[in-house]
Amino acid sequence: MQLIKRDLILCIAFTAFVFVCALAWGSPFFGNTAGSGAVLTQSQAPESQVQQTQTAMFRGTVERNGEQFMLRDSSGQVFRLDDPEQAQSFEGKDVTITGRLDNSSRTIHVERIESVMV
């Protein structure tokens, strides 16, 4: 009986340890996307309030998806661009975009697009 209790306690302890490690390891993948290759400088507001964003700079490659244009950053994340006329001349090029990110729709409200010299 003591062996069963010991094995049960060890099993529970090991499961708790694995769970805590998984939570700690997963935490960089939740929350803001500042480590994604896009340089974000936005204020964080509680979800109950309207989230206001500040101008930020995003770097990546402009890609076309039908009539829409997207920015794909170095980590592979894709952001929709709200100004297809301005983005069209940069299709397939590495760019730096100045604008505001709408997190709910993953859309960048473009203020300026500049080509990146490699």
PDB file of N, CA and C in Angstrom:
ATOM      1  N   MET A   1       0.814  -1.189   0.000  1.00  0.00           N
ATOM      2  CA  MET A   1       0.000   0.000   0.000  1.00  0.00           C
ATOM      3  C   MET A   1       0.861   1.258   0.000  1.00  0.00           C
ATOM      4  N   GLN A   2       1.967   1.212   0.734  1.00  0.00           N
ATOM      5  CA  GLN A   2       2.856   2.369   0.796  1.00  0.00           C
ATOM      6  C   GLN A   2       3.497   2.637  -0.562  1.00  0.00           C
ATOM      7  N   LEU A   3       3.794   1.579  -1.308  1.00  0.00           N
ATOM      8  CA  LEU A   3       4.380   1.757  -2.632  1.00  0.00           C
ATOM      9  C   LEU A   3       3.403   2.429  -3.580  1.00  0.00           C
ATOM     10  N   ILE A   4       2.139   2.069  -3.475  1.00  0.00           N
ATOM     11  CA  ILE A   4       1.131   2.682  -4.330  1.00  0.00           C
ATOM     12  C   ILE A   4       0.988   4.161  -3.999  1.00  0.00           C
ATOM     13  N   LYS A   5       0.957   4.500  -2.695  1.00  0.00           N
ATOM     14  CA  LYS A   5       0.869   5.901  -2.292  1.00  0.00           C
ATOM     15  C   LYS A   5       2.086   6.684  -2.788  1.00  0.00           C
ATOM     16  N   ARG A   6       3.263   6.108  -2.629  1.00  0.00           N
ATOM     17  CA  ARG A   6       4.492   6.781  -3.065  1.00  0.00           C
ATOM     18  C   ARG A   6       4.467   7.007  -4.581  1.00  0.00           C
ATOM     19  N   ASP A   7       4.078   5.974  -5.332  1.00  0.00           N
ATOM     20  CA  ASP A   7       4.007   6.110  -6.790  1.00  0.00           C
ATOM     21  C   ASP A   7       2.965   7.152  -7.206  1.00  0.00           C
ATOM     22  N   LEU A   8       1.845   7.178  -6.523  1.00  0.00           N
ATOM     23  CA  LEU A   8       0.796   8.147  -6.823  1.00  0.00           C
ATOM     24  C   LEU A   8       1.279   9.571  -6.539  1.00  0.00           C
ATOM     25  N   ILE A   9       1.941   9.783  -5.425  1.00  0.00           N
ATOM     26  CA  ILE A   9       2.470  11.104  -5.077  1.00  0.00           C
ATOM     27  C   ILE A   9       3.541  11.526  -6.078  1.00  0.00           C
ATOM     28  N   LEU A  10       4.422  10.619  -6.465  1.00  0.00           N
ATOM     29  CA  LEU A  10       5.441  10.943  -7.460  1.00  0.00           C
ATOM     30  C   LEU A  10       4.819  11.288  -8.811  1.00  0.00           C
ATOM     31  N   CYS A  11       3.801  10.550  -9.181  1.00  0.00           N
ATOM     32  CA  CYS A  11       3.113  10.809 -10.446  1.00  0.00           C
ATOM     33  C   CYS A  11       2.444  12.183 -10.436  1.00  0.00           C
ATOM     34  N   ILE A  12       1.787  12.521  -9.348  1.00  0.00           N
ATOM     35  CA  ILE A  12       1.137  13.829  -9.238  1.00  0.00           C
ATOM     36  C   ILE A  12       2.177  14.944  -9.243  1.00  0.00           C
ATOM     37  N   ALA A  13       3.285  14.761  -8.524  1.00  0.00           N
ATOM     38  CA  ALA A  13       4.347  15.771  -8.484  1.00  0.00           C
ATOM     39  C   ALA A  13       4.958  15.969  -9.871  1.00  0.00           C
ATOM     40  N   PHE A  14       5.208  14.883 -10.571  1.00  0.00           N
ATOM     41  CA  PHE A  14       5.789  14.978 -11.916  1.00  0.00           C
ATOM     42  C   PHE A  14       4.819  15.669 -12.877  1.00  0.00           C
ATOM     43  N   THR A  15       3.540  15.324 -12.794  1.00  0.00           N
ATOM     44  CA  THR A  15       2.535  15.959 -13.644  1.00  0.00           C
ATOM     45  C   THR A  15       2.458  17.456 -13.360  1.00  0.00           C
ATOM     46  N   ALA A  16       2.484  17.852 -12.103  1.00  0.00           N
ATOM     47  CA  ALA A  16       2.455  19.263 -11.737  1.00  0.00           C
ATOM     48  C   ALA A  16       3.702  19.978 -12.263  1.00  0.00           C
ATOM     49  N   PHE A  17       4.848  19.344 -12.162  1.00  0.00           N
ATOM     50  CA  PHE A  17       6.095  19.930 -12.665  1.00  0.00           C
ATOM     51  C   PHE A  17       6.024  20.137 -14.178  1.00  0.00           C
ATOM     52  N   VAL A  18       5.553  19.147 -14.905  1.00  0.00           N
ATOM     53  CA  VAL A  18       5.432  19.261 -16.365  1.00  0.00           C
ATOM     54  C   VAL A  18       4.439  20.364 -16.721  1.00  0.00           C
ATOM     55  N   PHE A  19       3.343  20.456 -16.005  1.00  0.00           N
ATOM     56  CA  PHE A  19       2.336  21.491 -16.266  1.00  0.00           C
ATOM     57  C   PHE A  19       2.921  22.888 -16.043  1.00  0.00           C
ATOM     58  N   VAL A  20       3.636  23.082 -14.949  1.00  0.00           N
ATOM     59  CA  VAL A  20       4.252  24.384 -14.666  1.00  0.00           C
ATOM     60  C   VAL A  20       5.291  24.728 -15.726  1.00  0.00           C
ATOM     61  N   CYS A  21       6.089  23.758 -16.137  1.00  0.00           N
ATOM     62  CA  CYS A  21       7.092  23.998 -17.189  1.00  0.00           C
ATOM     63  C   CYS A  21       6.419  24.352 -18.520  1.00  0.00           C
ATOM     64  N   ALA A  22       5.334  23.689 -18.842  1.00  0.00           N
ATOM     65  CA  ALA A  22       4.621  23.985 -20.084  1.00  0.00           C
ATOM     66  C   ALA A  22       4.039  25.391 -20.051  1.00  0.00           C
ATOM     67  N   LEU A  23       3.501  25.807 -18.925  1.00  0.00           N
ATOM     68  CA  LEU A  23       2.979  27.172 -18.812  1.00  0.00           C
ATOM     69  C   LEU A  23       4.097  28.198 -18.945  1.00  0.00           C
ATOM     70  N   ALA A  24       5.215  27.938 -18.302  1.00  0.00           N
ATOM     71  CA  ALA A  24       6.341  28.880 -18.383  1.00  0.00           C
ATOM     72  C   ALA A  24       6.906  28.929 -19.798  1.00  0.00           C
ATOM     73  N   TRP A  25       7.000  27.809 -20.457  1.00  0.00           N
ATOM     74  CA  TRP A  25       7.536  27.761 -21.817  1.00  0.00           C
ATOM     75  C   TRP A  25       6.580  28.411 -22.801  1.00  0.00           C
ATOM     76  N   GLY A  26       5.288  28.282 -22.588  1.00  0.00           N
ATOM     77  CA  GLY A  26       4.304  28.824 -23.505  1.00  0.00           C
ATOM     78  C   GLY A  26       4.068  30.306 -23.354  1.00  0.00           C
ATOM     79  N   SER A  27       4.467  30.912 -22.247  1.00  0.00           N
ATOM     80  CA  SER A  27       4.161  32.313 -22.012  1.00  0.00           C
ATOM     81  C   SER A  27       4.751  33.273 -23.033  1.00  0.00           C
ATOM     82  N   PRO A  28       5.898  33.029 -23.663  1.00  0.00           N
ATOM     83  CA  PRO A  28       6.359  33.971 -24.683  1.00  0.00           C
ATOM     84  C   PRO A  28       5.464  33.994 -25.914  1.00  0.00           C
ATOM     85  N   PHE A  29       4.594  33.004 -26.078  1.00  0.00           N
ATOM     86  CA  PHE A  29       3.760  32.919 -27.261  1.00  0.00           C
ATOM     87  C   PHE A  29       2.385  33.541 -27.052  1.00  0.00           C
ATOM     88  N   PHE A  30       2.136  34.067 -25.859  1.00  0.00           N
ATOM     89  CA  PHE A  30       0.864  34.714 -25.561  1.00  0.00           C
ATOM     90  C   PHE A  30       1.115  36.179 -25.283  1.00  0.00           C
ATOM     91  N   GLY A  31       0.066  36.981 -25.368  1.00  0.00           N
ATOM     92  CA  GLY A  31       0.200  38.396 -25.038  1.00  0.00           C
ATOM     93  C   GLY A  31       0.580  39.202 -26.248  1.00  0.00           C
ATOM     94  N   ASN A  32       1.439  40.226 -26.049  1.00  0.00           N
ATOM     95  CA  ASN A  32       1.743  41.115 -27.171  1.00  0.00           C
ATOM     96  C   ASN A  32       2.708  40.455 -28.128  1.00  0.00           C
ATOM     97  N   THR A  33       2.781  40.976 -29.305  1.00  0.00           N
ATOM     98  CA  THR A  33       3.575  40.379 -30.373  1.00  0.00           C
ATOM     99  C   THR A  33       4.870  41.123 -30.609  1.00  0.00           C
ATOM    100  N   ALA A  34       5.417  41.745 -29.595  1.00  0.00           N
ATOM    101  CA  ALA A  34       6.615  42.562 -29.764  1.00  0.00           C
ATOM    102  C   ALA A  34       7.830  41.748 -30.179  1.00  0.00           C
ATOM    103  N   GLY A  35       7.871  40.452 -29.892  1.00  0.00           N
ATOM    104  CA  GLY A  35       9.028  39.656 -30.263  1.00  0.00           C
ATOM    105  C   GLY A  35       8.888  39.031 -31.632  1.00  0.00           C
ATOM    106  N   SER A  36       7.983  39.511 -32.455  1.00  0.00           N
ATOM    107  CA  SER A  36       7.665  38.842 -33.699  1.00  0.00           C
ATOM    108  C   SER A  36       8.431  39.354 -34.906  1.00  0.00           C
ATOM    109  N   GLY A  37       9.345  40.281 -34.707  1.00  0.00           N
ATOM    110  CA  GLY A  37      10.021  40.869 -35.843  1.00  0.00           C
ATOM    111  C   GLY A  37       9.411  42.208 -36.199  1.00  0.00           C
ATOM    112  N   ALA A  38       8.187  42.442 -35.773  1.00  0.00           N
ATOM    113  CA  ALA A  38       7.576  43.749 -35.956  1.00  0.00           C
ATOM    114  C   ALA A  38       7.887  44.560 -34.708  1.00  0.00           C
ATOM    115  N   VAL A  39       8.317  45.763 -34.877  1.00  0.00           N
ATOM    116  CA  VAL A  39       8.651  46.617 -33.755  1.00  0.00           C
ATOM    117  C   VAL A  39       7.388  47.354 -33.363  1.00  0.00           C
ATOM    118  N   LEU A  40       6.810  46.966 -32.224  1.00  0.00           N
ATOM    119  CA  LEU A  40       5.547  47.547 -31.808  1.00  0.00           C
ATOM    120  C   LEU A  40       5.776  48.512 -30.658  1.00  0.00           C
ATOM    121  N   THR A  41       5.163  49.659 -30.732  1.00  0.00           N
ATOM    122  CA  THR A  41       5.208  50.619 -29.638  1.00  0.00           C
ATOM    123  C   THR A  41       3.799  51.096 -29.376  1.00  0.00           C
ATOM    124  N   GLN A  42       2.984  50.217 -28.820  1.00  0.00           N
ATOM    125  CA  GLN A  42       1.594  50.566 -28.591  1.00  0.00           C
ATOM    126  C   GLN A  42       1.298  50.490 -27.110  1.00  0.00           C
ATOM    127  N   SER A  43       0.345  51.272 -26.680  1.00  0.00           N
ATOM    128  CA  SER A  43      -0.049  51.252 -25.279  1.00  0.00           C
ATOM    129  C   SER A  43      -0.997  50.086 -25.060  1.00  0.00           C
ATOM    130  N   GLN A  44      -0.906  49.469 -23.909  1.00  0.00           N
ATOM    131  CA  GLN A  44      -1.774  48.351 -23.581  1.00  0.00           C
ATOM    132  C   GLN A  44      -2.891  48.869 -22.688  1.00  0.00           C
ATOM    133  N   ALA A  45      -4.132  48.705 -23.108  1.00  0.00           N
ATOM    134  CA  ALA A  45      -5.295  49.121 -22.332  1.00  0.00           C
ATOM    135  C   ALA A  45      -6.074  47.891 -21.922  1.00  0.00           C
ATOM    136  N   PRO A  46      -6.771  47.949 -20.793  1.00  0.00           N
ATOM    137  CA  PRO A  46      -7.617  46.809 -20.423  1.00  0.00           C
ATOM    138  C   PRO A  46      -8.649  46.548 -21.503  1.00  0.00           C
ATOM    139  N   GLU A  47      -9.062  45.283 -21.623  1.00  0.00           N
ATOM    140  CA  GLU A  47      -9.994  44.903 -22.673  1.00  0.00           C
ATOM    141  C   GLU A  47     -11.339  45.603 -22.536  1.00  0.00           C
ATOM    142  N   SER A  48     -11.677  46.041 -21.324  1.00  0.00           N
ATOM    143  CA  SER A  48     -12.954  46.708 -21.137  1.00  0.00           C
ATOM    144  C   SER A  48     -12.962  48.111 -21.727  1.00  0.00           C
ATOM    145  N   GLN A  49     -11.774  48.671 -21.971  1.00  0.00           N
ATOM    146  CA  GLN A  49     -11.673  49.989 -22.569  1.00  0.00           C
ATOM    147  C   GLN A  49     -11.356  49.857 -24.046  1.00  0.00           C
ATOM    148  N   VAL A  50     -11.586  50.936 -24.799  1.00  0.00           N
ATOM    149  CA  VAL A  50     -11.215  50.949 -26.198  1.00  0.00           C
ATOM    150  C   VAL A  50      -9.698  51.017 -26.266  1.00  0.00           C
ATOM    151  N   GLN A  51      -9.104  50.119 -27.022  1.00  0.00           N
ATOM    152  CA  GLN A  51      -7.650  50.072 -27.100  1.00  0.00           C
ATOM    153  C   GLN A  51      -7.156  51.121 -28.086  1.00  0.00           C
ATOM    154  N   GLN A  52      -6.310  52.029 -27.578  1.00  0.00           N
ATOM    155  CA  GLN A  52      -5.733  53.055 -28.422  1.00  0.00           C
ATOM    156  C   GLN A  52      -4.324  52.618 -28.783  1.00  0.00           C
ATOM    157  N   THR A  53      -3.977  52.783 -30.037  1.00  0.00           N
ATOM    158  CA  THR A  53      -2.653  52.379 -30.470  1.00  0.00           C
ATOM    159  C   THR A  53      -1.857  53.599 -30.882  1.00  0.00           C
ATOM    160  N   GLN A  54      -0.549  53.487 -30.760  1.00  0.00           N
ATOM    161  CA  GLN A  54       0.354  54.533 -31.175  1.00  0.00           C
ATOM    162  C   GLN A  54       1.007  54.110 -32.468  1.00  0.00           C
ATOM    163  N   THR A  55       1.625  55.057 -33.121  1.00  0.00           N
ATOM    164  CA  THR A  55       2.335  54.760 -34.353  1.00  0.00           C
ATOM    165  C   THR A  55       3.492  53.815 -34.063  1.00  0.00           C
ATOM    166  N   ALA A  56       3.684  52.830 -34.932  1.00  0.00           N
ATOM    167  CA  ALA A  56       4.744  51.844 -34.781  1.00  0.00           C
ATOM    168  C   ALA A  56       5.389  51.608 -36.143  1.00  0.00           C
ATOM    169  N   MET A  57       6.547  50.961 -36.126  1.00  0.00           N
ATOM    170  CA  MET A  57       7.234  50.605 -37.368  1.00  0.00           C
ATOM    171  C   MET A  57       7.225  49.098 -37.513  1.00  0.00           C
ATOM    172  N   PHE A  58       6.914  48.628 -38.722  1.00  0.00           N
ATOM    173  CA  PHE A  58       6.837  47.210 -39.034  1.00  0.00           C
ATOM    174  C   PHE A  58       7.760  46.950 -40.208  1.00  0.00           C
ATOM    175  N   ARG A  59       8.494  45.841 -40.164  1.00  0.00           N
ATOM    176  CA  ARG A  59       9.410  45.524 -41.249  1.00  0.00           C
ATOM    177  C   ARG A  59       9.080  44.145 -41.790  1.00  0.00           C
ATOM    178  N   GLY A  60       9.069  44.026 -43.126  1.00  0.00           N
ATOM    179  CA  GLY A  60       8.769  42.746 -43.740  1.00  0.00           C
ATOM    180  C   GLY A  60       8.669  42.892 -45.242  1.00  0.00           C
ATOM    181  N   THR A  61       8.000  41.928 -45.865  1.00  0.00           N
ATOM    182  CA  THR A  61       7.830  41.900 -47.314  1.00  0.00           C
ATOM    183  C   THR A  61       6.358  42.077 -47.652  1.00  0.00           C
ATOM    184  N   VAL A  62       6.086  42.948 -48.620  1.00  0.00           N
ATOM    185  CA  VAL A  62       4.705  43.180 -49.062  1.00  0.00           C
ATOM    186  C   VAL A  62       4.315  42.063 -50.025  1.00  0.00           C
ATOM    187  N   GLU A  63       3.177  41.424 -49.758  1.00  0.00           N
ATOM    188  CA  GLU A  63       2.665  40.349 -50.598  1.00  0.00           C
ATOM    189  C   GLU A  63       1.230  40.659 -50.991  1.00  0.00           C
ATOM    190  N   ARG A  64       0.821  40.137 -52.131  1.00  0.00           N
ATOM    191  CA  ARG A  64      -0.538  40.348 -52.623  1.00  0.00           C
ATOM    192  C   ARG A  64      -1.364  39.089 -52.370  1.00  0.00           C
ATOM    193  N   ASN A  65      -2.614  39.308 -51.951  1.00  0.00           N
ATOM    194  CA  ASN A  65      -3.568  38.224 -51.769  1.00  0.00           C
ATOM    195  C   ASN A  65      -4.868  38.691 -52.410  1.00  0.00           C
ATOM    196  N   GLY A  66      -5.005  38.421 -53.709  1.00  0.00           N
ATOM    197  CA  GLY A  66      -6.160  38.928 -54.445  1.00  0.00           C
ATOM    198  C   GLY A  66      -6.043  40.428 -54.604  1.00  0.00           C
ATOM    199  N   GLU A  67      -7.029  41.136 -54.110  1.00  0.00           N
ATOM    200  CA  GLU A  67      -7.014  42.601 -54.164  1.00  0.00           C
ATOM    201  C   GLU A  67      -6.376  43.220 -52.925  1.00  0.00           C
ATOM    202  N   GLN A  68      -6.087  42.398 -51.922  1.00  0.00           N
ATOM    203  CA  GLN A  68      -5.521  42.899 -50.672  1.00  0.00           C
ATOM    204  C   GLN A  68      -4.015  42.749 -50.672  1.00  0.00           C
ATOM    205  N   PHE A  69      -3.365  43.595 -49.893  1.00  0.00           N
ATOM    206  CA  PHE A  69      -1.925  43.500 -49.698  1.00  0.00           C
ATOM    207  C   PHE A  69      -1.653  43.202 -48.241  1.00  0.00           C
ATOM    208  N   MET A  70      -0.624  42.381 -48.031  1.00  0.00           N
ATOM    209  CA  MET A  70      -0.253  41.927 -46.698  1.00  0.00           C
ATOM    210  C   MET A  70       1.211  42.233 -46.454  1.00  0.00           C
ATOM    211  N   LEU A  71       1.590  42.315 -45.191  1.00  0.00           N
ATOM    212  CA  LEU A  71       2.992  42.423 -44.798  1.00  0.00           C
ATOM    213  C   LEU A  71       3.352  41.137 -44.073  1.00  0.00           C
ATOM    214  N   ARG A  72       4.357  40.418 -44.564  1.00  0.00           N
ATOM    215  CA  ARG A  72       4.851  39.214 -43.897  1.00  0.00           C
ATOM    216  C   ARG A  72       6.178  39.568 -43.249  1.00  0.00           C
ATOM    217  N   ASP A  73       6.246  39.438 -41.905  1.00  0.00           N
ATOM    218  CA  ASP A  73       7.483  39.781 -41.212  1.00  0.00           C
ATOM    219  C   ASP A  73       8.434  38.584 -41.172  1.00  0.00           C
ATOM    220  N   SER A  74       9.598  38.777 -40.563  1.00  0.00           N
ATOM    221  CA  SER A  74      10.637  37.741 -40.579  1.00  0.00           C
ATOM    222  C   SER A  74      10.231  36.481 -39.833  1.00  0.00           C
ATOM    223  N   SER A  75       9.264  36.578 -38.922  1.00  0.00           N
ATOM    224  CA  SER A  75       8.822  35.384 -38.191  1.00  0.00           C
ATOM    225  C   SER A  75       7.683  34.661 -38.907  1.00  0.00           C
ATOM    226  N   GLY A  76       7.227  35.224 -40.033  1.00  0.00           N
ATOM    227  CA  GLY A  76       6.161  34.587 -40.796  1.00  0.00           C
ATOM    228  C   GLY A  76       4.772  35.098 -40.481  1.00  0.00           C
ATOM    229  N   GLN A  77       4.655  36.007 -39.515  1.00  0.00           N
ATOM    230  CA  GLN A  77       3.345  36.561 -39.201  1.00  0.00           C
ATOM    231  C   GLN A  77       2.889  37.462 -40.341  1.00  0.00           C
ATOM    232  N   VAL A  78       1.591  37.477 -40.581  1.00  0.00           N
ATOM    233  CA  VAL A  78       1.027  38.245 -41.686  1.00  0.00           C
ATOM    234  C   VAL A  78       0.076  39.297 -41.126  1.00  0.00           C
ATOM    235  N   PHE A  79       0.225  40.520 -41.636  1.00  0.00           N
ATOM    236  CA  PHE A  79      -0.633  41.634 -41.251  1.00  0.00           C
ATOM    237  C   PHE A  79      -1.258  42.204 -42.520  1.00  0.00           C
ATOM    238  N   ARG A  80      -2.553  42.473 -42.478  1.00  0.00           N
ATOM    239  CA  ARG A  80      -3.241  43.070 -43.616  1.00  0.00           C
ATOM    240  C   ARG A  80      -2.927  44.558 -43.652  1.00  0.00           C
ATOM    241  N   LEU A  81      -2.761  45.113 -44.853  1.00  0.00           N
ATOM    242  CA  LEU A  81      -2.511  46.543 -45.020  1.00  0.00           C
ATOM    243  C   LEU A  81      -3.792  47.208 -45.496  1.00  0.00           C
ATOM    244  N   ASP A  82      -4.149  48.341 -44.899  1.00  0.00           N
ATOM    245  CA  ASP A  82      -5.422  48.984 -45.225  1.00  0.00           C
ATOM    246  C   ASP A  82      -5.338  49.951 -46.410  1.00  0.00           C
ATOM    247  N   ASP A  83      -4.164  50.124 -47.012  1.00  0.00           N
ATOM    248  CA  ASP A  83      -4.012  51.071 -48.112  1.00  0.00           C
ATOM    249  C   ASP A  83      -3.414  50.377 -49.337  1.00  0.00           C
ATOM    250  N   PRO A  84      -4.252  49.709 -50.148  1.00  0.00           N
ATOM    251  CA  PRO A  84      -3.725  48.948 -51.282  1.00  0.00           C
ATOM    252  C   PRO A  84      -3.059  49.828 -52.340  1.00  0.00           C
ATOM    253  N   GLU A  85      -3.526  51.055 -52.509  1.00  0.00           N
ATOM    254  CA  GLU A  85      -2.912  51.934 -53.516  1.00  0.00           C
ATOM    255  C   GLU A  85      -1.459  52.228 -53.170  1.00  0.00           C
ATOM    256  N   GLN A  86      -1.208  52.507 -51.900  1.00  0.00           N
ATOM    257  CA  GLN A  86       0.154  52.823 -51.470  1.00  0.00           C
ATOM    258  C   GLN A  86       1.030  51.569 -51.463  1.00  0.00           C
ATOM    259  N   ALA A  87       0.476  50.399 -51.127  1.00  0.00           N
ATOM    260  CA  ALA A  87       1.249  49.169 -51.019  1.00  0.00           C
ATOM    261  C   ALA A  87       1.552  48.532 -52.372  1.00  0.00           C
ATOM    262  N   GLN A  88       0.753  48.819 -53.380  1.00  0.00           N
ATOM    263  CA  GLN A  88       0.867  48.148 -54.677  1.00  0.00           C
ATOM    264  C   GLN A  88       2.249  48.308 -55.301  1.00  0.00           C
ATOM    265  N   SER A  89       2.843  49.468 -55.207  1.00  0.00           N
ATOM    266  CA  SER A  89       4.147  49.694 -55.839  1.00  0.00           C
ATOM    267  C   SER A  89       5.288  49.000 -55.093  1.00  0.00           C
ATOM    268  N   PHE A  90       5.006  48.457 -53.906  1.00  0.00           N
ATOM    269  CA  PHE A  90       6.041  47.787 -53.118  1.00  0.00           C
ATOM    270  C   PHE A  90       5.867  46.267 -53.104  1.00  0.00           C
ATOM    271  N   GLU A  91       5.006  45.729 -53.952  1.00  0.00           N
ATOM    272  CA  GLU A  91       4.735  44.283 -53.975  1.00  0.00           C
ATOM    273  C   GLU A  91       6.026  43.500 -54.201  1.00  0.00           C
ATOM    274  N   GLY A  92       6.289  42.530 -53.314  1.00  0.00           N
ATOM    275  CA  GLY A  92       7.469  41.676 -53.412  1.00  0.00           C
ATOM    276  C   GLY A  92       8.736  42.295 -52.862  1.00  0.00           C
ATOM    277  N   LYS A  93       8.662  43.497 -52.319  1.00  0.00           N
ATOM    278  CA  LYS A  93       9.851  44.195 -51.819  1.00  0.00           C
ATOM    279  C   LYS A  93       9.873  44.197 -50.299  1.00  0.00           C
ATOM    280  N   ASP A  94      11.108  44.280 -49.751  1.00  0.00           N
ATOM    281  CA  ASP A  94      11.270  44.449 -48.314  1.00  0.00           C
ATOM    282  C   ASP A  94      11.036  45.913 -47.982  1.00  0.00           C
ATOM    283  N   VAL A  95      10.189  46.152 -46.970  1.00  0.00           N
ATOM    284  CA  VAL A  95       9.791  47.513 -46.641  1.00  0.00           C
ATOM    285  C   VAL A  95       9.774  47.734 -45.128  1.00  0.00           C
ATOM    286  N   THR A  96       9.748  49.003 -44.767  1.00  0.00           N
ATOM    287  CA  THR A  96       9.447  49.427 -43.409  1.00  0.00           C
ATOM    288  C   THR A  96       8.172  50.237 -43.491  1.00  0.00           C
ATOM    289  N   ILE A  97       7.172  49.841 -42.708  1.00  0.00           N
ATOM    290  CA  ILE A  97       5.879  50.515 -42.725  1.00  0.00           C
ATOM    291  C   ILE A  97       5.690  51.234 -41.395  1.00  0.00           C
ATOM    292  N   THR A  98       5.315  52.490 -41.490  1.00  0.00           N
ATOM    293  CA  THR A  98       4.945  53.258 -40.316  1.00  0.00           C
ATOM    294  C   THR A  98       3.432  53.311 -40.283  1.00  0.00           C
ATOM    295  N   GLY A  99       2.855  52.916 -39.145  1.00  0.00           N
ATOM    296  CA  GLY A  99       1.407  52.895 -39.037  1.00  0.00           C
ATOM    297  C   GLY A  99       0.958  52.419 -37.677  1.00  0.00           C
ATOM    298  N   ARG A 100      -0.328  52.166 -37.565  1.00  0.00           N
ATOM    299  CA  ARG A 100      -0.919  51.699 -36.319  1.00  0.00           C
ATOM    300  C   ARG A 100      -1.508  50.312 -36.522  1.00  0.00           C
ATOM    301  N   LEU A 101      -1.294  49.421 -35.563  1.00  0.00           N
ATOM    302  CA  LEU A 101      -1.786  48.045 -35.647  1.00  0.00           C
ATOM    303  C   LEU A 101      -3.120  47.920 -34.932  1.00  0.00           C
ATOM    304  N   ASP A 102      -4.102  47.372 -35.632  1.00  0.00           N
ATOM    305  CA  ASP A 102      -5.377  47.005 -35.034  1.00  0.00           C
ATOM    306  C   ASP A 102      -5.279  45.517 -34.708  1.00  0.00           C
ATOM    307  N   ASN A 103      -5.081  45.206 -33.422  1.00  0.00           N
ATOM    308  CA  ASN A 103      -4.866  43.822 -33.001  1.00  0.00           C
ATOM    309  C   ASN A 103      -6.052  42.917 -33.297  1.00  0.00           C
ATOM    310  N   SER A 104      -7.267  43.441 -33.210  1.00  0.00           N
ATOM    311  CA  SER A 104      -8.437  42.584 -33.391  1.00  0.00           C
ATOM    312  C   SER A 104      -8.550  42.059 -34.818  1.00  0.00           C
ATOM    313  N   SER A 105      -8.180  42.879 -35.809  1.00  0.00           N
ATOM    314  CA  SER A 105      -8.274  42.435 -37.199  1.00  0.00           C
ATOM    315  C   SER A 105      -6.900  42.181 -37.830  1.00  0.00           C
ATOM    316  N   ARG A 106      -5.826  42.370 -37.058  1.00  0.00           N
ATOM    317  CA  ARG A 106      -4.444  42.195 -37.533  1.00  0.00           C
ATOM    318  C   ARG A 106      -4.205  43.039 -38.788  1.00  0.00           C
ATOM    319  N   THR A 107      -4.696  44.286 -38.736  1.00  0.00           N
ATOM    320  CA  THR A 107      -4.576  45.216 -39.848  1.00  0.00           C
ATOM    321  C   THR A 107      -3.671  46.369 -39.451  1.00  0.00           C
ATOM    322  N   ILE A 108      -2.761  46.718 -40.347  1.00  0.00           N
ATOM    323  CA  ILE A 108      -1.919  47.887 -40.133  1.00  0.00           C
ATOM    324  C   ILE A 108      -2.559  49.045 -40.892  1.00  0.00           C
ATOM    325  N   HIS A 109      -2.846  50.132 -40.176  1.00  0.00           N
ATOM    326  CA  HIS A 109      -3.352  51.352 -40.791  1.00  0.00           C
ATOM    327  C   HIS A 109      -2.125  52.148 -41.236  1.00  0.00           C
ATOM    328  N   VAL A 110      -1.848  52.099 -42.526  1.00  0.00           N
ATOM    329  CA  VAL A 110      -0.599  52.600 -43.096  1.00  0.00           C
ATOM    330  C   VAL A 110      -0.566  54.119 -43.096  1.00  0.00           C
ATOM    331  N   GLU A 111       0.549  54.655 -42.592  1.00  0.00           N
ATOM    332  CA  GLU A 111       0.826  56.079 -42.709  1.00  0.00           C
ATOM    333  C   GLU A 111       1.894  56.319 -43.772  1.00  0.00           C
ATOM    334  N   ARG A 112       2.923  55.456 -43.785  1.00  0.00           N
ATOM    335  CA  ARG A 112       4.016  55.620 -44.738  1.00  0.00           C
ATOM    336  C   ARG A 112       4.677  54.258 -44.992  1.00  0.00           C
ATOM    337  N   ILE A 113       5.079  54.021 -46.247  1.00  0.00           N
ATOM    338  CA  ILE A 113       5.820  52.810 -46.618  1.00  0.00           C
ATOM    339  C   ILE A 113       7.133  53.257 -47.263  1.00  0.00           C
ATOM    340  N   GLU A 114       8.236  52.655 -46.801  1.00  0.00           N
ATOM    341  CA  GLU A 114       9.546  52.959 -47.354  1.00  0.00           C
ATOM    342  C   GLU A 114      10.245  51.668 -47.708  1.00  0.00           C
ATOM    343  N   SER A 115      10.918  51.663 -48.839  1.00  0.00           N
ATOM    344  CA  SER A 115      11.673  50.486 -49.267  1.00  0.00           C
ATOM    345  C   SER A 115      12.922  50.346 -48.397  1.00  0.00           C
ATOM    346  N   VAL A 116      13.301  49.092 -48.076  1.00  0.00           N
ATOM    347  CA  VAL A 116      14.481  48.826 -47.262  1.00  0.00           C
ATOM    348  C   VAL A 116      15.640  48.511 -48.196  1.00  0.00           C
ATOM    349  N   MET A 117      16.743  49.184 -47.999  1.00  0.00           N
ATOM    350  CA  MET A 117      17.941  48.917 -48.789  1.00  0.00           C
ATOM    351  C   MET A 117      18.690  47.742 -48.160  1.00  0.00           C
ATOM    352  N   VAL A 118      18.885  46.690 -48.908  1.00  0.00           N
ATOM    353  CA  VAL A 118      19.545  45.483 -48.390  1.00  0.00           C
ATOM    354  C   VAL A 118      21.021  45.548 -48.635  1.00  0.00           C
TER     355      VAL A 118
END
